[in-house]
Amino acid sequence: MPAPIMAVGKGAADFPAKLTGQVLVCNIIAACGGLMFGYDIGISGSVLF
């Protein structure tokens, strides 16, 4: 897996991002969806093949 690239310099602090409650809930829902999809693929893949 390639290493992540991060911006370093003057422009790095110009982006006003905040971790709000809405962002946190969306991330948790997306992570749970990914876990369920991966579990489903793992279970049904072993049954079909």
C-alpha atoms as a PDB file:
ATOM      1  CA  MET A   1       0.000   0.000   0.000  1.00  0.00           C
ATOM      2  CA  PRO A   2       1.434   3.409  -0.900  1.00  0.00           C
ATOM      3  CA  ALA A   3       2.187   5.873   1.849  1.00  0.00           C
ATOM      4  CA  PRO A   4      -0.258   8.783   2.224  1.00  0.00           C
ATOM      5  CA  ILE A   5       0.970  12.145   0.991  1.00  0.00           C
ATOM      6  CA  MET A   6       0.376  15.128   3.228  1.00  0.00           C
ATOM      7  CA  ALA A   7       0.707  18.774   2.269  1.00  0.00           C
ATOM      8  CA  VAL A   8       3.364  20.602   4.226  1.00  0.00           C
ATOM      9  CA  GLY A   9       3.844  24.325   3.975  1.00  0.00           C
ATOM     10  CA  LYS A  10       1.873  27.557   4.019  1.00  0.00           C
ATOM     11  CA  GLY A  11      -1.265  26.181   2.329  1.00  0.00           C
ATOM     12  CA  ALA A  12      -1.651  23.258   4.712  1.00  0.00           C
ATOM     13  CA  ALA A  13      -3.435  25.261   7.441  1.00  0.00           C
ATOM     14  CA  ASP A  14      -5.791  27.164   5.114  1.00  0.00           C
ATOM     15  CA  PHE A  15      -8.485  24.497   5.030  1.00  0.00           C
ATOM     16  CA  PRO A  16     -11.038  25.153   7.802  1.00  0.00           C
ATOM     17  CA  ALA A  17     -12.166  21.601   8.600  1.00  0.00           C
ATOM     18  CA  LYS A  18     -13.922  20.704  11.822  1.00  0.00           C
ATOM     19  CA  LEU A  19     -14.933  17.352  13.272  1.00  0.00           C
ATOM     20  CA  THR A  20     -18.611  17.964  13.976  1.00  0.00           C
ATOM     21  CA  GLY A  21     -21.181  15.541  15.283  1.00  0.00           C
ATOM     22  CA  GLN A  22     -22.699  15.135  11.829  1.00  0.00           C
ATOM     23  CA  VAL A  23     -19.321  14.241  10.327  1.00  0.00           C
ATOM     24  CA  LEU A  24     -18.678  11.724  13.096  1.00  0.00           C
ATOM     25  CA  VAL A  25     -22.077  10.031  12.663  1.00  0.00           C
ATOM     26  CA  CYS A  26     -21.617   9.826   8.874  1.00  0.00           C
ATOM     27  CA  ASN A  27     -18.192   8.227   9.336  1.00  0.00           C
ATOM     28  CA  ILE A  28     -19.539   5.652  11.785  1.00  0.00           C
ATOM     29  CA  ILE A  29     -22.438   4.746   9.468  1.00  0.00           C
ATOM     30  CA  ALA A  30     -20.074   4.408   6.487  1.00  0.00           C
ATOM     31  CA  ALA A  31     -17.687   2.229   8.490  1.00  0.00           C
ATOM     32  CA  CYS A  32     -20.517  -0.051   9.645  1.00  0.00           C
ATOM     33  CA  GLY A  33     -21.744  -0.373   6.055  1.00  0.00           C
ATOM     34  CA  GLY A  34     -18.261  -1.344   4.914  1.00  0.00           C
ATOM     35  CA  LEU A  35     -17.953  -3.921   7.670  1.00  0.00           C
ATOM     36  CA  MET A  36     -21.322  -5.474   6.808  1.00  0.00           C
ATOM     37  CA  PHE A  37     -20.505  -5.570   3.093  1.00  0.00           C
ATOM     38  CA  GLY A  38     -17.134  -7.197   3.774  1.00  0.00           C
ATOM     39  CA  TYR A  39     -18.685  -9.744   6.110  1.00  0.00           C
ATOM     40  CA  ASP A  40     -21.363 -10.569   3.531  1.00  0.00           C
ATOM     41  CA  ILE A  41     -18.781 -11.044   0.774  1.00  0.00           C
ATOM     42  CA  GLY A  42     -16.661 -13.252   3.032  1.00  0.00           C
ATOM     43  CA  ILE A  43     -19.556 -15.491   4.073  1.00  0.00           C
ATOM     44  CA  SER A  44     -21.303 -15.805   0.704  1.00  0.00           C
ATOM     45  CA  GLY A  45     -17.994 -16.177  -1.149  1.00  0.00           C
ATOM     46  CA  SER A  46     -16.996 -19.187   0.914  1.00  0.00           C
ATOM     47  CA  VAL A  47     -20.406 -20.828   0.343  1.00  0.00           C
ATOM     48  CA  LEU A  48     -20.496 -20.317  -3.419  1.00  0.00           C
ATOM     49  CA  PHE A  49     -16.954 -21.485  -4.188  1.00  0.00           C
END
